[in-house]
Amino acid sequence: MTAQQQNKTPASIAIVPYQSTYKQAFHDLNMAWLERYFTVEPVHRHALENPESEILEGGGEIFFAVRGDEVLGTVAIRADGEGVYELTKLGVDPKAQGLGLGRLLCEAVIDYFKAKGGKRLYLETHTKLAPAMRLYETLDFTLMEKPEDAHYQGTDCYMEWTGE
């Protein structure tokens, strides 16, 4: 994180793992983002309505950027098995955008991935989300050919983390 971003991120914001009290915020932040930029697919709706079984029970985690009792952002890391993980469901409240929360949330995912000894971390997104694309690139995600078995129809690119 750059010094400028550190100065913009309020010290009162913490990145915390999933708690059931944040389940609705996970759903709402992601639905708002999906409805604004994409079409809500059944696979999205199922994961957002069932985060415990779809993300947590399989070996993943959900992180939240919180200030007091207010959830400002969220992201998930979903385990696909055999050391393969997906960074997914990144959403930041529009009033908190520009504070560096997306970066902090993604860094929490990368730290989790490394702690688990993961072999491959990927994400699917859309090139029309230019700020997100720039963020992922600065975090050492590299654009790759989208696999045929990609999870989402509404994405046009696939990236893998190539950092250390």
C-alpha atoms as a PDB file:
ATOM      1  CA  MET A   1       0.000   0.000   0.000  1.00  0.00           C
ATOM      2  CA  THR A   2       1.295   3.432  -0.849  1.00  0.00           C
ATOM      3  CA  ALA A   3       1.759   6.139   1.768  1.00  0.00           C
ATOM      4  CA  GLN A   4      -1.075   8.082   0.112  1.00  0.00           C
ATOM      5  CA  GLN A   5      -3.473   5.135   0.515  1.00  0.00           C
ATOM      6  CA  GLN A   6      -2.387   4.579   4.118  1.00  0.00           C
ATOM      7  CA  ASN A   7      -3.167   8.197   4.874  1.00  0.00           C
ATOM      8  CA  LYS A   8      -6.619   7.889   3.256  1.00  0.00           C
ATOM      9  CA  THR A   9      -7.587   4.716   5.138  1.00  0.00           C
ATOM     10  CA  PRO A  10      -8.991   5.691   8.530  1.00  0.00           C
ATOM     11  CA  ALA A  11      -7.306   3.955  11.452  1.00  0.00           C
ATOM     12  CA  SER A  12     -10.770   3.162  12.834  1.00  0.00           C
ATOM     13  CA  ILE A  13     -11.381   0.622  10.055  1.00  0.00           C
ATOM     14  CA  ALA A  14     -10.526  -3.015  10.788  1.00  0.00           C
ATOM     15  CA  ILE A  15     -10.431  -6.071   8.512  1.00  0.00           C
ATOM     16  CA  VAL A  16     -12.149  -8.935  10.312  1.00  0.00           C
ATOM     17  CA  PRO A  17     -13.209 -12.499   9.430  1.00  0.00           C
ATOM     18  CA  TYR A  18     -16.793 -13.676   9.009  1.00  0.00           C
ATOM     19  CA  GLN A  19     -19.284 -13.387  11.824  1.00  0.00           C
ATOM     20  CA  SER A  20     -22.917 -14.380  11.371  1.00  0.00           C
ATOM     21  CA  THR A  21     -23.960 -10.824  12.266  1.00  0.00           C
ATOM     22  CA  TYR A  22     -22.325  -9.708   8.982  1.00  0.00           C
ATOM     23  CA  LYS A  23     -24.188 -12.191   6.769  1.00  0.00           C
ATOM     24  CA  GLN A  24     -26.758  -9.654   5.545  1.00  0.00           C
ATOM     25  CA  ALA A  25     -24.059  -7.066   4.810  1.00  0.00           C
ATOM     26  CA  PHE A  26     -22.199  -9.644   2.701  1.00  0.00           C
ATOM     27  CA  HIS A  27     -25.389 -10.217   0.727  1.00  0.00           C
ATOM     28  CA  ASP A  28     -26.406  -6.572   0.414  1.00  0.00           C
ATOM     29  CA  LEU A  29     -23.007  -5.125  -0.584  1.00  0.00           C
ATOM     30  CA  ASN A  30     -22.553  -7.762  -3.269  1.00  0.00           C
ATOM     31  CA  MET A  31     -26.101  -7.598  -4.613  1.00  0.00           C
ATOM     32  CA  ALA A  32     -25.834  -3.824  -4.980  1.00  0.00           C
ATOM     33  CA  TRP A  33     -22.569  -4.213  -6.902  1.00  0.00           C
ATOM     34  CA  LEU A  34     -23.879  -7.046  -9.093  1.00  0.00           C
ATOM     35  CA  GLU A  35     -27.117  -5.225  -9.899  1.00  0.00           C
ATOM     36  CA  ARG A  36     -25.190  -2.079 -10.825  1.00  0.00           C
ATOM     37  CA  TYR A  37     -22.567  -3.673 -13.078  1.00  0.00           C
ATOM     38  CA  PHE A  38     -23.779  -7.153 -14.042  1.00  0.00           C
ATOM     39  CA  THR A  39     -26.683  -9.526 -14.229  1.00  0.00           C
ATOM     40  CA  VAL A  40     -27.312 -11.447 -11.030  1.00  0.00           C
ATOM     41  CA  GLU A  41     -26.749 -15.085 -11.938  1.00  0.00           C
ATOM     42  CA  PRO A  42     -28.139 -18.046  -9.944  1.00  0.00           C
ATOM     43  CA  VAL A  43     -24.581 -18.942  -8.868  1.00  0.00           C
ATOM     44  CA  HIS A  44     -24.181 -15.453  -7.344  1.00  0.00           C
ATOM     45  CA  ARG A  45     -27.507 -15.546  -5.545  1.00  0.00           C
ATOM     46  CA  HIS A  46     -26.840 -19.024  -4.116  1.00  0.00           C
ATOM     47  CA  ALA A  47     -23.423 -18.041  -2.704  1.00  0.00           C
ATOM     48  CA  LEU A  48     -24.737 -14.791  -1.243  1.00  0.00           C
ATOM     49  CA  GLU A  49     -27.712 -16.459   0.418  1.00  0.00           C
ATOM     50  CA  ASN A  50     -25.666 -19.410   1.721  1.00  0.00           C
ATOM     51  CA  PRO A  51     -22.172 -18.127   2.552  1.00  0.00           C
ATOM     52  CA  GLU A  52     -21.581 -20.635   5.325  1.00  0.00           C
ATOM     53  CA  SER A  53     -22.120 -23.697   3.120  1.00  0.00           C
ATOM     54  CA  GLU A  54     -20.853 -22.192  -0.142  1.00  0.00           C
ATOM     55  CA  ILE A  55     -17.683 -20.500   1.119  1.00  0.00           C
ATOM     56  CA  LEU A  56     -16.831 -21.199   4.753  1.00  0.00           C
ATOM     57  CA  GLU A  57     -17.541 -24.930   5.081  1.00  0.00           C
ATOM     58  CA  GLY A  58     -15.428 -25.693   2.023  1.00  0.00           C
ATOM     59  CA  GLY A  59     -12.321 -24.130   3.560  1.00  0.00           C
ATOM     60  CA  GLY A  60     -12.761 -20.515   2.516  1.00  0.00           C
ATOM     61  CA  GLU A  61     -13.222 -17.300   4.441  1.00  0.00           C
ATOM     62  CA  ILE A  62     -15.094 -14.026   4.163  1.00  0.00           C
ATOM     63  CA  PHE A  63     -13.490 -10.786   5.293  1.00  0.00           C
ATOM     64  CA  PHE A  64     -15.130  -7.498   6.183  1.00  0.00           C
ATOM     65  CA  ALA A  65     -13.913  -3.932   6.442  1.00  0.00           C
ATOM     66  CA  VAL A  66     -15.709  -2.546   9.478  1.00  0.00           C
ATOM     67  CA  ARG A  67     -15.836   0.742  11.337  1.00  0.00           C
ATOM     68  CA  GLY A  68     -17.570   0.247  14.659  1.00  0.00           C
ATOM     69  CA  ASP A  69     -20.745  -1.680  13.821  1.00  0.00           C
ATOM     70  CA  GLU A  70     -20.803  -0.511  10.190  1.00  0.00           C
ATOM     71  CA  VAL A  71     -19.677  -2.871   7.419  1.00  0.00           C
ATOM     72  CA  LEU A  72     -18.014  -0.858   4.630  1.00  0.00           C
ATOM     73  CA  GLY A  73     -16.719  -3.663   2.424  1.00  0.00           C
ATOM     74  CA  THR A  74     -16.357  -7.388   2.003  1.00  0.00           C
ATOM     75  CA  VAL A  75     -14.522 -10.058   0.023  1.00  0.00           C
ATOM     76  CA  ALA A  76     -14.458 -13.848   0.021  1.00  0.00           C
ATOM     77  CA  ILE A  77     -11.916 -16.512  -0.733  1.00  0.00           C
ATOM     78  CA  ARG A  78     -13.530 -19.755  -1.864  1.00  0.00           C
ATOM     79  CA  ALA A  79     -11.631 -23.060  -1.814  1.00  0.00           C
ATOM     80  CA  ASP A  80     -11.936 -25.164  -4.978  1.00  0.00           C
ATOM     81  CA  GLY A  81      -9.850 -28.024  -3.576  1.00  0.00           C
ATOM     82  CA  GLU A  82      -6.289 -29.213  -4.129  1.00  0.00           C
ATOM     83  CA  GLY A  83      -4.842 -25.830  -3.120  1.00  0.00           C
ATOM     84  CA  VAL A  84      -6.877 -23.830  -5.640  1.00  0.00           C
ATOM     85  CA  TYR A  85      -8.732 -20.761  -4.341  1.00  0.00           C
ATOM     86  CA  GLU A  86     -10.900 -18.063  -5.852  1.00  0.00           C
ATOM     87  CA  LEU A  87     -10.932 -14.412  -4.770  1.00  0.00           C
ATOM     88  CA  THR A  88     -14.609 -13.540  -5.142  1.00  0.00           C
ATOM     89  CA  LYS A  89     -17.422 -11.260  -4.026  1.00  0.00           C
ATOM     90  CA  LEU A  90     -15.415  -8.078  -3.509  1.00  0.00           C
ATOM     91  CA  GLY A  91     -17.692  -5.162  -2.754  1.00  0.00           C
ATOM     92  CA  VAL A  92     -17.164  -1.777  -1.091  1.00  0.00           C
ATOM     93  CA  ASP A  93     -19.912   0.615  -0.084  1.00  0.00           C
ATOM     94  CA  PRO A  94     -19.868   3.573  -2.515  1.00  0.00           C
ATOM     95  CA  LYS A  95     -19.513   6.033   0.377  1.00  0.00           C
ATOM     96  CA  ALA A  96     -16.278   4.277   1.433  1.00  0.00           C
ATOM     97  CA  GLN A  97     -14.704   3.915  -2.013  1.00  0.00           C
ATOM     98  CA  GLY A  98     -11.341   5.602  -2.416  1.00  0.00           C
ATOM     99  CA  LEU A  99     -10.203   4.727   1.114  1.00  0.00           C
ATOM    100  CA  GLY A 100      -8.111   1.730   0.027  1.00  0.00           C
ATOM    101  CA  LEU A 101     -10.529  -0.826   1.457  1.00  0.00           C
ATOM    102  CA  GLY A 102     -10.539  -2.975  -1.683  1.00  0.00           C
ATOM    103  CA  ARG A 103      -6.768  -3.297  -1.396  1.00  0.00           C
ATOM    104  CA  LEU A 104      -6.917  -4.151   2.312  1.00  0.00           C
ATOM    105  CA  LEU A 105      -9.592  -6.764   1.705  1.00  0.00           C
ATOM    106  CA  CYS A 106      -7.668  -8.342  -1.179  1.00  0.00           C
ATOM    107  CA  GLU A 107      -4.487  -8.377   0.905  1.00  0.00           C
ATOM    108  CA  ALA A 108      -6.404 -10.299   3.600  1.00  0.00           C
ATOM    109  CA  VAL A 109      -7.359 -12.872   0.951  1.00  0.00           C
ATOM    110  CA  ILE A 110      -3.762 -13.181  -0.259  1.00  0.00           C
ATOM    111  CA  ASP A 111      -2.524 -13.594   3.321  1.00  0.00           C
ATOM    112  CA  TYR A 112      -5.133 -16.309   3.929  1.00  0.00           C
ATOM    113  CA  PHE A 113      -4.172 -18.047   0.684  1.00  0.00           C
ATOM    114  CA  LYS A 114      -0.479 -18.049   1.652  1.00  0.00           C
ATOM    115  CA  ALA A 115      -1.219 -19.233   5.215  1.00  0.00           C
ATOM    116  CA  LYS A 116      -3.167 -22.176   3.785  1.00  0.00           C
ATOM    117  CA  GLY A 117      -0.274 -23.078   1.472  1.00  0.00           C
ATOM    118  CA  GLY A 118      -2.422 -22.454  -1.592  1.00  0.00           C
ATOM    119  CA  LYS A 119      -1.132 -23.365  -5.042  1.00  0.00           C
ATOM    120  CA  ARG A 120      -3.284 -21.148  -7.274  1.00  0.00           C
ATOM    121  CA  LEU A 121      -5.375 -18.065  -6.534  1.00  0.00           C
ATOM    122  CA  TYR A 122      -7.592 -16.747  -9.299  1.00  0.00           C
ATOM    123  CA  LEU A 123     -10.442 -14.355  -9.918  1.00  0.00           C
ATOM    124  CA  GLU A 124     -12.927 -13.601 -12.648  1.00  0.00           C
ATOM    125  CA  THR A 125     -13.938 -10.023 -13.424  1.00  0.00           C
ATOM    126  CA  HIS A 126     -14.873  -7.692 -16.233  1.00  0.00           C
ATOM    127  CA  THR A 127     -12.573  -5.252 -17.994  1.00  0.00           C
ATOM    128  CA  LYS A 128     -15.225  -2.510 -17.733  1.00  0.00           C
ATOM    129  CA  LEU A 129     -14.317  -2.312 -14.026  1.00  0.00           C
ATOM    130  CA  ALA A 130     -11.134  -0.328 -14.687  1.00  0.00           C
ATOM    131  CA  PRO A 131     -10.371   0.590 -11.042  1.00  0.00           C
ATOM    132  CA  ALA A 132     -10.690  -3.069 -10.004  1.00  0.00           C
ATOM    133  CA  MET A 133      -8.477  -4.164 -12.891  1.00  0.00           C
ATOM    134  CA  ARG A 134      -5.789  -1.674 -11.810  1.00  0.00           C
ATOM    135  CA  LEU A 135      -6.067  -2.856  -8.210  1.00  0.00           C
ATOM    136  CA  TYR A 136      -5.657  -6.507  -9.169  1.00  0.00           C
ATOM    137  CA  GLU A 137      -2.671  -5.727 -11.360  1.00  0.00           C
ATOM    138  CA  THR A 138      -0.931  -3.817  -8.549  1.00  0.00           C
ATOM    139  CA  LEU A 139      -1.516  -6.851  -6.311  1.00  0.00           C
ATOM    140  CA  ASP A 140       0.302  -9.103  -8.838  1.00  0.00           C
ATOM    141  CA  PHE A 141      -2.713 -10.677 -10.525  1.00  0.00           C
ATOM    142  CA  THR A 142      -1.957 -11.447 -14.166  1.00  0.00           C
ATOM    143  CA  LEU A 143      -4.465 -11.661 -16.994  1.00  0.00           C
ATOM    144  CA  MET A 144      -4.755 -15.214 -18.341  1.00  0.00           C
ATOM    145  CA  GLU A 145      -6.926 -17.007 -20.855  1.00  0.00           C
ATOM    146  CA  LYS A 146     -10.374 -17.621 -19.386  1.00  0.00           C
ATOM    147  CA  PRO A 147     -10.908 -21.354 -18.822  1.00  0.00           C
ATOM    148  CA  GLU A 148     -13.878 -23.057 -20.428  1.00  0.00           C
ATOM    149  CA  ASP A 149     -15.175 -24.090 -16.999  1.00  0.00           C
ATOM    150  CA  ALA A 150     -15.266 -20.500 -15.684  1.00  0.00           C
ATOM    151  CA  HIS A 151     -17.907 -19.905 -13.010  1.00  0.00           C
ATOM    152  CA  TYR A 152     -19.562 -16.741 -14.266  1.00  0.00           C
ATOM    153  CA  GLN A 153     -21.134 -15.865 -17.598  1.00  0.00           C
ATOM    154  CA  GLY A 154     -20.952 -12.102 -17.026  1.00  0.00           C
ATOM    155  CA  THR A 155     -17.170 -11.887 -16.795  1.00  0.00           C
ATOM    156  CA  ASP A 156     -14.773 -11.336 -19.664  1.00  0.00           C
ATOM    157  CA  CYS A 157     -11.428 -11.914 -17.999  1.00  0.00           C
ATOM    158  CA  TYR A 158      -9.642 -14.321 -15.729  1.00  0.00           C
ATOM    159  CA  MET A 159      -6.622 -13.442 -13.596  1.00  0.00           C
ATOM    160  CA  GLU A 160      -4.230 -15.468 -11.456  1.00  0.00           C
ATOM    161  CA  TRP A 161      -2.095 -14.238  -8.610  1.00  0.00           C
ATOM    162  CA  THR A 162       1.588 -14.463  -9.567  1.00  0.00           C
ATOM    163  CA  GLY A 163       3.050 -12.851  -6.439  1.00  0.00           C
ATOM    164  CA  GLU A 164       5.104 -14.523  -3.758  1.00  0.00           C
END
